[in-house]
Amino acid sequence: MLVCSTKPSTADYFAVDAMSNWQGNLEITFDHQDQKTWIEKCQSVAPLRIQKPFYPEGKSWVHSILLYTAGGMVGGDRLTINLDLKAEAKVLFTSATAAKIYRCPANIASHHTRIHQQQGSVLEWFPQETILFRDAQYSQSLRIELEQNAICYGWDIYRFGRSARGEVFDGGAWRSRTEVWQNG
């Protein structure tokens, strides 16, 4: 169990309680052949799921929507997403709702995403915002690995506190790390 001081160390941000509620996982591979992109492989462990893919722009672009069935994260929850795009795959990836990180003063909730894109693939990474409630403890990492001529557009948007309710994020911790690698 992690107990945060007013200035936790970097190691504390990534500590996870062994008795966590969720250890969600999503492994998804997108392939592209004959002018069509599709999901070649998809394995998920609750609370992560993918909605049935759809093609509003034609068969060359697949739209995929992440579903988080638990509704929000609490201390000790750990989510891992691995996306692999094969050569020339074209994917729009988003989430159905905003991610909510609830008050968890003693334990860290964490979310780690790894994206690997082969040559000529294109990813539009546009998840809905993440809302950190007062006293939330959250760490997030995003690693994007691009091979030659691969393109990734995207964002990660954070809201600190529930501003519509007048709540401010005046306690808690947020740690975010983004890495973009091209050709190793």
C-alpha atoms as a PDB file:
ATOM      1  CA  MET A   1       0.000   0.000   0.000  1.00  0.00           C
ATOM      2  CA  LEU A   2       1.212   3.489  -0.821  1.00  0.00           C
ATOM      3  CA  VAL A   3       0.791   6.411   1.535  1.00  0.00           C
ATOM      4  CA  CYS A   4       1.576   9.712  -0.172  1.00  0.00           C
ATOM      5  CA  SER A   5       3.355  12.499   1.598  1.00  0.00           C
ATOM      6  CA  THR A   6       2.913  16.082   0.459  1.00  0.00           C
ATOM      7  CA  LYS A   7       5.807  15.563  -1.977  1.00  0.00           C
ATOM      8  CA  PRO A   8       5.786  11.916  -3.129  1.00  0.00           C
ATOM      9  CA  SER A   9       8.844  10.602  -4.920  1.00  0.00           C
ATOM     10  CA  THR A  10       8.707   9.581  -8.586  1.00  0.00           C
ATOM     11  CA  ALA A  11       8.655   5.916  -7.508  1.00  0.00           C
ATOM     12  CA  ASP A  12       5.591   6.588  -5.357  1.00  0.00           C
ATOM     13  CA  TYR A  13       3.625   7.848  -8.362  1.00  0.00           C
ATOM     14  CA  PHE A  14       3.877   4.475 -10.047  1.00  0.00           C
ATOM     15  CA  ALA A  15       3.338   2.229  -7.013  1.00  0.00           C
ATOM     16  CA  VAL A  16       0.267  -0.005  -7.279  1.00  0.00           C
ATOM     17  CA  ASP A  17      -1.542  -1.686  -4.434  1.00  0.00           C
ATOM     18  CA  ALA A  18      -1.408  -5.472  -4.870  1.00  0.00           C
ATOM     19  CA  MET A  19      -5.092  -5.737  -3.887  1.00  0.00           C
ATOM     20  CA  SER A  20      -6.306  -3.417  -6.658  1.00  0.00           C
ATOM     21  CA  ASN A  21      -9.849  -3.592  -7.936  1.00  0.00           C
ATOM     22  CA  TRP A  22      -9.132  -3.697 -11.666  1.00  0.00           C
ATOM     23  CA  GLN A  23      -6.186  -4.866 -13.734  1.00  0.00           C
ATOM     24  CA  GLY A  24      -7.746  -4.100 -17.127  1.00  0.00           C
ATOM     25  CA  ASN A  25      -5.924  -4.897 -20.334  1.00  0.00           C
ATOM     26  CA  LEU A  26      -6.539  -4.329 -24.045  1.00  0.00           C
ATOM     27  CA  GLU A  27      -4.362  -5.738 -26.832  1.00  0.00           C
ATOM     28  CA  ILE A  28      -5.500  -4.792 -30.321  1.00  0.00           C
ATOM     29  CA  THR A  29      -3.896  -5.170 -33.758  1.00  0.00           C
ATOM     30  CA  PHE A  30      -5.140  -3.391 -36.870  1.00  0.00           C
ATOM     31  CA  ASP A  31      -4.245  -4.733 -40.326  1.00  0.00           C
ATOM     32  CA  HIS A  32      -4.636  -3.220 -43.793  1.00  0.00           C
ATOM     33  CA  GLN A  33      -4.871  -5.047 -47.110  1.00  0.00           C
ATOM     34  CA  ASP A  34      -6.757  -4.477 -50.343  1.00  0.00           C
ATOM     35  CA  GLN A  35      -7.691  -0.895 -49.403  1.00  0.00           C
ATOM     36  CA  LYS A  36      -9.346  -2.013 -46.111  1.00  0.00           C
ATOM     37  CA  THR A  37      -8.322  -1.641 -42.460  1.00  0.00           C
ATOM     38  CA  TRP A  38      -9.780  -4.031 -39.896  1.00  0.00           C
ATOM     39  CA  ILE A  39      -9.172  -5.416 -36.422  1.00  0.00           C
ATOM     40  CA  GLU A  40      -7.001  -8.483 -36.872  1.00  0.00           C
ATOM     41  CA  LYS A  41      -6.688  -9.335 -33.173  1.00  0.00           C
ATOM     42  CA  CYS A  42      -8.438  -8.039 -30.089  1.00  0.00           C
ATOM     43  CA  GLN A  43      -8.006  -9.388 -26.577  1.00  0.00           C
ATOM     44  CA  SER A  44      -9.410  -7.577 -23.590  1.00  0.00           C
ATOM     45  CA  VAL A  45      -9.728  -8.021 -19.856  1.00  0.00           C
ATOM     46  CA  ALA A  46     -12.487  -6.132 -18.025  1.00  0.00           C
ATOM     47  CA  PRO A  47     -13.158  -3.315 -17.609  1.00  0.00           C
ATOM     48  CA  LEU A  48     -11.711  -2.493 -21.060  1.00  0.00           C
ATOM     49  CA  ARG A  49     -13.586  -3.373 -24.263  1.00  0.00           C
ATOM     50  CA  ILE A  50     -13.825  -2.208 -27.849  1.00  0.00           C
ATOM     51  CA  GLN A  51     -17.135  -1.352 -29.445  1.00  0.00           C
ATOM     52  CA  LYS A  52     -17.832  -3.008 -32.795  1.00  0.00           C
ATOM     53  CA  PRO A  53     -15.696  -1.186 -35.383  1.00  0.00           C
ATOM     54  CA  PHE A  54     -17.414   0.949 -37.982  1.00  0.00           C
ATOM     55  CA  TYR A  55     -16.506   2.602 -41.278  1.00  0.00           C
ATOM     56  CA  PRO A  56     -18.151   6.040 -41.768  1.00  0.00           C
ATOM     57  CA  GLU A  57     -15.300   7.127 -44.093  1.00  0.00           C
ATOM     58  CA  GLY A  58     -15.214   3.966 -46.205  1.00  0.00           C
ATOM     59  CA  LYS A  59     -13.332   0.700 -45.734  1.00  0.00           C
ATOM     60  CA  SER A  60      -9.833   2.184 -45.664  1.00  0.00           C
ATOM     61  CA  TRP A  61     -10.392   3.889 -42.263  1.00  0.00           C
ATOM     62  CA  VAL A  62     -11.675   1.968 -39.241  1.00  0.00           C
ATOM     63  CA  HIS A  63     -13.177   3.824 -36.278  1.00  0.00           C
ATOM     64  CA  SER A  64     -12.705   2.141 -32.892  1.00  0.00           C
ATOM     65  CA  ILE A  65     -14.293   3.246 -29.632  1.00  0.00           C
ATOM     66  CA  LEU A  66     -12.870   2.247 -26.255  1.00  0.00           C
ATOM     67  CA  LEU A  67     -15.442   1.301 -23.628  1.00  0.00           C
ATOM     68  CA  TYR A  68     -14.544   1.427 -19.938  1.00  0.00           C
ATOM     69  CA  THR A  69     -17.281  -0.578 -18.249  1.00  0.00           C
ATOM     70  CA  ALA A  70     -16.346   0.241 -14.636  1.00  0.00           C
ATOM     71  CA  GLY A  71     -17.346   3.904 -14.927  1.00  0.00           C
ATOM     72  CA  GLY A  72     -14.245   5.335 -13.258  1.00  0.00           C
ATOM     73  CA  MET A  73     -10.922   4.507 -11.648  1.00  0.00           C
ATOM     74  CA  VAL A  74     -10.002   4.357  -7.958  1.00  0.00           C
ATOM     75  CA  GLY A  75      -6.713   3.846  -6.144  1.00  0.00           C
ATOM     76  CA  GLY A  76      -4.966   0.617  -7.082  1.00  0.00           C
ATOM     77  CA  ASP A  77      -6.691   0.270 -10.464  1.00  0.00           C
ATOM     78  CA  ARG A  78      -4.273  -0.355 -13.318  1.00  0.00           C
ATOM     79  CA  LEU A  79      -5.156  -0.217 -17.010  1.00  0.00           C
ATOM     80  CA  THR A  80      -2.860  -1.205 -19.874  1.00  0.00           C
ATOM     81  CA  ILE A  81      -3.566  -0.655 -23.570  1.00  0.00           C
ATOM     82  CA  ASN A  82      -1.380  -1.889 -26.426  1.00  0.00           C
ATOM     83  CA  LEU A  83      -2.274  -0.802 -29.967  1.00  0.00           C
ATOM     84  CA  ASP A  84      -0.422  -2.177 -32.976  1.00  0.00           C
ATOM     85  CA  LEU A  85      -1.036  -0.797 -36.458  1.00  0.00           C
ATOM     86  CA  LYS A  86       0.376  -2.830 -39.315  1.00  0.00           C
ATOM     87  CA  ALA A  87       1.720  -1.162 -42.453  1.00  0.00           C
ATOM     88  CA  GLU A  88      -0.720   1.273 -44.105  1.00  0.00           C
ATOM     89  CA  ALA A  89      -3.483   0.749 -41.469  1.00  0.00           C
ATOM     90  CA  LYS A  90      -5.666   3.816 -40.907  1.00  0.00           C
ATOM     91  CA  VAL A  91      -7.398   4.077 -37.529  1.00  0.00           C
ATOM     92  CA  LEU A  92      -9.399   6.637 -35.589  1.00  0.00           C
ATOM     93  CA  PHE A  93      -9.326   5.642 -31.908  1.00  0.00           C
ATOM     94  CA  THR A  94     -11.459   7.378 -29.294  1.00  0.00           C
ATOM     95  CA  SER A  95     -13.358   6.648 -26.090  1.00  0.00           C
ATOM     96  CA  ALA A  96     -17.096   6.594 -25.494  1.00  0.00           C
ATOM     97  CA  THR A  97     -16.988   8.826 -22.411  1.00  0.00           C
ATOM     98  CA  ALA A  98     -14.639  10.922 -20.339  1.00  0.00           C
ATOM     99  CA  ALA A  99     -12.370   8.959 -18.004  1.00  0.00           C
ATOM    100  CA  LYS A 100     -13.040   9.662 -14.337  1.00  0.00           C
ATOM    101  CA  ILE A 101     -10.389   9.330 -11.649  1.00  0.00           C
ATOM    102  CA  TYR A 102     -12.126   9.302  -8.272  1.00  0.00           C
ATOM    103  CA  ARG A 103     -10.807  10.409  -4.899  1.00  0.00           C
ATOM    104  CA  CYS A 104      -8.170   7.935  -3.763  1.00  0.00           C
ATOM    105  CA  PRO A 105      -5.942   9.586  -1.163  1.00  0.00           C
ATOM    106  CA  ALA A 106      -3.802   6.541  -0.334  1.00  0.00           C
ATOM    107  CA  ASN A 107      -3.343   4.620  -3.613  1.00  0.00           C
ATOM    108  CA  ILE A 108      -2.408   5.441  -7.189  1.00  0.00           C
ATOM    109  CA  ALA A 109      -4.681   4.666 -10.144  1.00  0.00           C
ATOM    110  CA  SER A 110      -2.567   4.138 -13.280  1.00  0.00           C
ATOM    111  CA  HIS A 111      -3.107   3.914 -17.017  1.00  0.00           C
ATOM    112  CA  HIS A 112      -0.345   2.908 -19.428  1.00  0.00           C
ATOM    113  CA  THR A 113      -0.685   2.967 -23.216  1.00  0.00           C
ATOM    114  CA  ARG A 114       1.779   1.734 -25.833  1.00  0.00           C
ATOM    115  CA  ILE A 115       1.167   2.403 -29.511  1.00  0.00           C
ATOM    116  CA  HIS A 116       3.308   0.839 -32.243  1.00  0.00           C
ATOM    117  CA  GLN A 117       2.790   1.937 -35.848  1.00  0.00           C
ATOM    118  CA  GLN A 118       4.386   0.208 -38.803  1.00  0.00           C
ATOM    119  CA  GLN A 119       5.424   1.949 -42.004  1.00  0.00           C
ATOM    120  CA  GLY A 120       2.822   4.213 -43.579  1.00  0.00           C
ATOM    121  CA  SER A 121       0.147   3.693 -40.908  1.00  0.00           C
ATOM    122  CA  VAL A 122      -1.966   6.607 -39.672  1.00  0.00           C
ATOM    123  CA  LEU A 123      -3.531   6.906 -36.224  1.00  0.00           C
ATOM    124  CA  GLU A 124      -5.937   9.578 -35.045  1.00  0.00           C
ATOM    125  CA  TRP A 125      -5.775   9.240 -31.234  1.00  0.00           C
ATOM    126  CA  PHE A 126      -8.626  11.311 -29.771  1.00  0.00           C
ATOM    127  CA  PRO A 127      -9.860   9.919 -26.441  1.00  0.00           C
ATOM    128  CA  GLN A 128     -12.324  12.019 -24.470  1.00  0.00           C
ATOM    129  CA  GLU A 129     -10.916  14.033 -21.572  1.00  0.00           C
ATOM    130  CA  THR A 130      -9.772  12.627 -18.237  1.00  0.00           C
ATOM    131  CA  ILE A 131     -11.403  14.222 -15.178  1.00  0.00           C
ATOM    132  CA  LEU A 132      -9.356  14.129 -11.977  1.00  0.00           C
ATOM    133  CA  PHE A 133     -11.586  14.522  -8.922  1.00  0.00           C
ATOM    134  CA  ARG A 134     -10.289  16.303  -5.831  1.00  0.00           C
ATOM    135  CA  ASP A 135      -7.746  14.093  -3.967  1.00  0.00           C
ATOM    136  CA  ALA A 136      -7.275  11.727  -6.926  1.00  0.00           C
ATOM    137  CA  GLN A 137      -3.895  10.003  -7.239  1.00  0.00           C
ATOM    138  CA  TYR A 138      -3.177   9.191 -10.902  1.00  0.00           C
ATOM    139  CA  SER A 139      -0.266   8.281 -13.141  1.00  0.00           C
ATOM    140  CA  GLN A 140      -0.469   8.015 -16.901  1.00  0.00           C
ATOM    141  CA  SER A 141       2.065   7.057 -19.526  1.00  0.00           C
ATOM    142  CA  LEU A 142       1.798   7.076 -23.311  1.00  0.00           C
ATOM    143  CA  ARG A 143       4.520   5.667 -25.550  1.00  0.00           C
ATOM    144  CA  ILE A 144       4.174   6.034 -29.315  1.00  0.00           C
ATOM    145  CA  GLU A 145       6.608   4.125 -31.551  1.00  0.00           C
ATOM    146  CA  LEU A 146       6.561   5.235 -35.195  1.00  0.00           C
ATOM    147  CA  GLU A 147       8.247   3.422 -38.045  1.00  0.00           C
ATOM    148  CA  GLN A 148       9.144   5.226 -41.266  1.00  0.00           C
ATOM    149  CA  ASN A 149       6.333   7.383 -42.712  1.00  0.00           C
ATOM    150  CA  ALA A 150       3.923   6.500 -39.895  1.00  0.00           C
ATOM    151  CA  ILE A 151       1.767   9.400 -38.703  1.00  0.00           C
ATOM    152  CA  CYS A 152       0.024   9.923 -35.361  1.00  0.00           C
ATOM    153  CA  TYR A 153      -2.303  12.816 -34.587  1.00  0.00           C
ATOM    154  CA  GLY A 154      -3.782  13.090 -31.150  1.00  0.00           C
ATOM    155  CA  TRP A 155      -4.380  14.581 -27.761  1.00  0.00           C
ATOM    156  CA  ASP A 156      -4.700  13.776 -24.094  1.00  0.00           C
ATOM    157  CA  ILE A 157      -6.917  16.318 -22.338  1.00  0.00           C
ATOM    158  CA  TYR A 158      -7.145  16.655 -18.542  1.00  0.00           C
ATOM    159  CA  ARG A 159      -9.680  18.476 -16.393  1.00  0.00           C
ATOM    160  CA  PHE A 160      -8.580  19.115 -12.819  1.00  0.00           C
ATOM    161  CA  GLY A 161     -11.639  19.004 -10.594  1.00  0.00           C
ATOM    162  CA  ARG A 162     -15.281  19.010 -11.611  1.00  0.00           C
ATOM    163  CA  SER A 163     -15.494  22.666 -12.538  1.00  0.00           C
ATOM    164  CA  ALA A 164     -19.234  22.540 -13.349  1.00  0.00           C
ATOM    165  CA  ARG A 165     -19.782  21.687  -9.658  1.00  0.00           C
ATOM    166  CA  GLY A 166     -17.310  24.292  -8.449  1.00  0.00           C
ATOM    167  CA  GLU A 167     -14.792  21.625  -7.427  1.00  0.00           C
ATOM    168  CA  VAL A 168     -11.111  22.418  -7.787  1.00  0.00           C
ATOM    169  CA  PHE A 169      -8.192  20.013  -7.788  1.00  0.00           C
ATOM    170  CA  ASP A 170      -6.460  21.346  -4.679  1.00  0.00           C
ATOM    171  CA  GLY A 171      -5.225  18.008  -3.364  1.00  0.00           C
ATOM    172  CA  GLY A 172      -3.969  14.796  -4.913  1.00  0.00           C
ATOM    173  CA  ALA A 173      -1.309  13.947  -7.468  1.00  0.00           C
ATOM    174  CA  TRP A 174      -1.106  13.695 -11.238  1.00  0.00           C
ATOM    175  CA  ARG A 175       1.864  12.313 -13.099  1.00  0.00           C
ATOM    176  CA  SER A 176       1.944  12.154 -16.893  1.00  0.00           C
ATOM    177  CA  ARG A 177       4.644  10.909 -19.219  1.00  0.00           C
ATOM    178  CA  THR A 178       4.476  10.955 -23.016  1.00  0.00           C
ATOM    179  CA  GLU A 179       7.196   9.558 -25.279  1.00  0.00           C
ATOM    180  CA  VAL A 180       7.250   9.633 -29.075  1.00  0.00           C
ATOM    181  CA  TRP A 181       9.869   7.486 -30.793  1.00  0.00           C
ATOM    182  CA  GLN A 182      10.548   7.470 -34.523  1.00  0.00           C
ATOM    183  CA  ASN A 183      12.607   4.696 -36.159  1.00  0.00           C
ATOM    184  CA  GLY A 184      13.867   3.556 -32.752  1.00  0.00           C
END
